[in-house]
Protein backbone atom coordinates (compact mmCIF):
# COMPACT_ATOMS: atom_id res chain seq x y z
CA MET A 1 0.00 0.00 0.00
CA PHE A 2 1.25 3.49 -0.91
CA ASP A 3 2.28 5.64 2.07
CA PRO A 4 2.96 9.28 1.09
CA LEU A 5 5.39 9.61 3.99
CA ASP A 6 7.66 7.12 2.21
CA PHE A 7 8.87 10.23 0.35
CA TYR A 8 10.25 11.50 3.69
CA PRO A 9 12.51 8.72 5.03
CA THR A 10 15.75 10.64 5.68
CA GLU A 11 14.71 13.98 7.17
CA PRO A 12 12.66 13.59 10.37
CA ARG A 13 12.49 17.37 10.95
CA LEU A 14 10.93 17.91 7.53
CA ARG A 15 8.54 15.02 8.07
CA GLU A 16 7.41 16.52 11.40
CA LEU A 17 7.09 20.00 9.87
CA LEU A 18 4.99 18.62 7.00
CA LEU A 19 2.72 16.65 9.33
CA THR A 20 2.25 19.56 11.73
CA HIS A 21 1.52 22.09 8.98
CA SER A 22 -0.78 19.72 7.12
CA SER A 23 -2.66 18.84 10.31
CA CYS A 24 -3.26 22.54 11.03
CA VAL A 25 -4.49 23.11 7.47
CA ALA A 26 -6.72 20.01 7.63
CA LYS A 27 -8.23 21.15 10.94
CA LYS A 28 -8.91 24.63 9.53
CA ALA A 29 -10.36 23.16 6.33
CA LEU A 30 -12.76 20.98 8.30
CA GLU A 31 -13.77 23.98 10.44
CA VAL A 32 -14.56 25.94 7.26
CA SER A 33 -16.56 23.01 5.89
CA LYS A 34 -18.52 22.70 9.13
CA LYS A 35 -19.24 26.43 9.07
CA HIS A 36 -20.56 26.11 5.50
CA PRO A 37 -22.61 22.90 5.21
CA GLU A 38 -24.40 24.45 2.23
CA LEU A 39 -21.21 23.91 0.20
CA ASN A 40 -21.52 20.11 0.55
CA ALA A 41 -17.77 19.53 0.77
CA ASP A 42 -16.59 15.93 0.85
CA ASN A 43 -14.99 15.99 4.31
CA ASP A 44 -13.17 12.66 3.95
CA PHE A 45 -11.53 13.89 0.76
CA LEU A 46 -10.98 17.34 2.27
CA TYR A 47 -9.02 15.87 5.18
CA ARG A 48 -6.98 13.50 2.99
CA ALA A 49 -6.15 16.19 0.42
CA ALA A 50 -5.25 18.74 3.10
CA MET A 51 -2.83 16.23 4.61
CA LEU A 52 -1.23 15.77 1.16
CA HIS A 53 -1.33 19.30 -0.27
CA ASP A 54 2.37 20.05 0.42
CA ILE A 55 3.83 16.58 -0.21
CA GLY A 56 6.04 18.04 -2.97
CA ILE A 57 8.13 20.23 -0.66
CA VAL A 58 10.56 17.31 -0.21
CA ALA A 59 11.87 17.95 -3.74
CA CYS A 60 12.45 21.67 -3.17
CA ASP A 61 15.42 23.73 -2.07
CA ALA A 62 14.28 25.52 1.09
CA PRO A 63 16.81 24.76 3.84
CA GLY A 64 15.03 27.00 6.36
CA ILE A 65 12.24 24.41 6.46
CA TYR A 66 14.52 21.37 6.11
CA CYS A 67 13.92 20.91 2.37
CA PHE A 68 17.13 19.92 0.60
CA GLY A 69 15.90 19.10 -2.89
CA SER A 70 16.84 20.84 -6.12
CA LEU A 71 13.62 22.53 -7.27
CA PRO A 72 12.64 26.12 -6.53
CA TYR A 73 10.04 26.22 -3.74
CA ILE A 74 7.33 27.58 -6.10
CA CYS A 75 7.43 24.14 -7.78
CA HIS A 76 6.22 22.22 -4.71
CA GLY A 77 2.59 22.13 -5.87
CA VAL A 78 3.34 20.85 -9.36
CA GLU A 79 5.87 18.37 -7.97
CA GLY A 80 3.38 17.13 -5.38
CA ALA A 81 0.79 16.74 -8.14
CA ARG A 82 3.24 14.65 -10.16
CA MET A 83 4.09 12.47 -7.16
CA LEU A 84 0.45 11.78 -6.29
CA ALA A 85 -0.69 11.31 -9.90
CA GLU A 86 1.93 8.57 -10.28
CA HIS A 87 0.06 6.73 -7.51
CA GLY A 88 -3.39 7.28 -9.01
CA MET A 89 -4.38 10.03 -6.56
CA LEU A 90 -5.64 12.38 -9.27
CA ARG A 91 -8.07 14.52 -7.23
CA GLU A 92 -5.47 15.01 -4.52
CA ALA A 93 -2.91 15.88 -7.21
CA LEU A 94 -5.14 18.71 -8.41
CA VAL A 95 -5.27 20.12 -4.87
CA CYS A 96 -1.46 20.12 -4.76
CA GLU A 97 -1.19 21.92 -8.06
CA ARG A 98 -3.91 24.50 -7.40
CA HIS A 99 -3.27 25.60 -3.80
CA THR A 100 -0.17 27.77 -4.26
CA GLY A 101 -0.88 31.39 -3.31
CA SER A 102 -4.51 31.89 -4.19
CA GLY A 103 -3.94 29.90 -7.33
CA LEU A 104 -1.90 30.97 -10.34
CA THR A 105 -2.94 31.91 -13.85
CA ALA A 106 -0.99 31.00 -16.98
CA SER A 107 -0.40 34.70 -17.64
CA GLU A 108 0.98 35.25 -14.11
CA ILE A 109 3.32 32.30 -14.59
CA GLU A 110 4.53 33.71 -17.92
CA GLU A 111 4.72 37.37 -16.79
CA ASN A 112 6.75 36.44 -13.71
CA ALA A 113 8.89 33.87 -15.55
CA LEU A 114 7.99 31.26 -12.93
CA PRO A 115 9.56 27.83 -13.46
CA LEU A 116 6.13 26.23 -13.88
CA PRO A 117 4.06 24.97 -16.79
CA ALA A 118 2.23 27.94 -18.30
CA ARG A 119 -1.32 26.87 -17.50
CA ASP A 120 -4.02 28.01 -15.12
CA MET A 121 -3.59 26.46 -11.69
CA LEU A 122 -6.60 27.93 -9.92
CA PRO A 123 -8.69 26.08 -7.35
CA VAL A 124 -11.88 24.82 -9.01
CA SER A 125 -13.69 22.35 -6.74
CA ILE A 126 -15.03 23.48 -3.37
CA GLU A 127 -12.49 21.23 -1.65
CA GLU A 128 -9.63 22.83 -3.63
CA LYS A 129 -10.90 26.27 -2.66
CA ILE A 130 -11.23 25.36 1.02
CA ILE A 131 -7.70 23.93 1.21
CA CYS A 132 -6.21 26.85 -0.71
CA TYR A 133 -7.94 29.20 1.76
CA ALA A 134 -7.09 27.21 4.92
CA ASP A 135 -3.43 26.96 3.89
CA LYS A 136 -3.01 30.72 4.07
CA PHE A 137 -3.63 30.66 7.83
CA TYR A 138 -0.48 28.63 8.60
CA SER A 139 3.19 29.13 7.87
CA LYS A 140 5.81 26.44 7.52
CA ASN A 141 8.18 28.52 9.64
CA PRO A 142 9.48 26.06 12.26
CA ASP A 143 9.11 28.72 14.97
CA SER A 144 5.42 29.40 14.33
CA LEU A 145 3.98 26.25 12.74
CA THR A 146 0.81 26.10 14.81
CA ALA A 147 0.17 29.85 15.15
CA GLU A 148 -2.90 30.84 13.14
CA LYS A 149 -2.41 34.03 11.14
CA SER A 150 -4.96 36.83 11.26
CA ILE A 151 -6.89 37.84 8.15
CA GLU A 152 -5.08 41.19 8.27
CA ARG A 153 -1.69 39.49 8.16
CA ILE A 154 -2.76 37.20 5.30
CA ILE A 155 -4.03 40.19 3.32
CA SER A 156 -0.76 42.04 3.95
CA GLU A 157 1.23 39.02 2.75
CA MET A 158 -1.00 38.54 -0.30
CA GLN A 159 -0.64 42.21 -1.29
CA ARG A 160 3.05 41.60 -1.96
CA HIS A 161 2.07 39.25 -4.79
CA GLY A 162 -0.11 41.76 -6.62
CA GLU A 163 -3.72 42.78 -6.98
CA ALA A 164 -5.05 39.71 -8.82
CA PRO A 165 -3.83 37.15 -6.24
CA LEU A 166 -5.11 39.39 -3.44
CA GLN A 167 -8.53 39.67 -5.06
CA ARG A 168 -8.68 35.88 -5.50
CA PHE A 169 -7.92 35.45 -1.80
CA LEU A 170 -10.55 38.04 -0.86
CA SER A 171 -13.07 36.17 -3.01
CA LEU A 172 -12.22 32.96 -1.17
CA HIS A 173 -12.58 34.80 2.13
CA ALA A 174 -16.00 36.16 1.10
CA LEU A 175 -17.13 32.63 0.23
CA LEU A 176 -15.53 30.75 3.12
CA GLY A 177 -14.74 33.18 5.94
C-alpha cells in the first residue's frame, strides 16, 4: 500500500514539519466546511487532500524548512501533483497543483517567468478552494507552525504578490470566511 510519507525517510524534521503544517491546514479546512454545510464539501476527501497538499516540498530547495531538494520552492505544488498522480491520486494531485498562493494563472506564470508549466492552476472544486484558503492561515516557519495568522496578516502578505492574487484570496474569504 502506498504511504505518502515514504517520500520522507531521511529527514525527520521535515517530516514533522509537514505533518504539523498539514494537520493545522486540515483542521482549519474541516472547520470551514462545518461552518458552511451548504457547500456540501466531501470531508473525507478534504481531510486527505489537506494532509497531502504540500507533499512536494521534499523535492524543493528551502533549507530553512529542512527541504534539501533541487527545485525552486514555487514548484512544490506541481511536484506534489506529479508524485500523487503517479500513484493514481488524481483529485489530490489537483489540490497540490492548485493551492499555491490563491492559485496561479498562466499569464501570471509567464509574466513572472515562474519555473512552472504555463497553465491556469486555480482552485476549481469546493475542496480545492477550502484547502487553498485554509493553507493561508499557517506558515511552515518552524518557529510558528501552529500559530494561526490573522486575516489582516494574510491580506498584507497577499498584497506583496499583486492585486489579482489578493482579489482571488478576498473572493475565497468572502465565500468561506
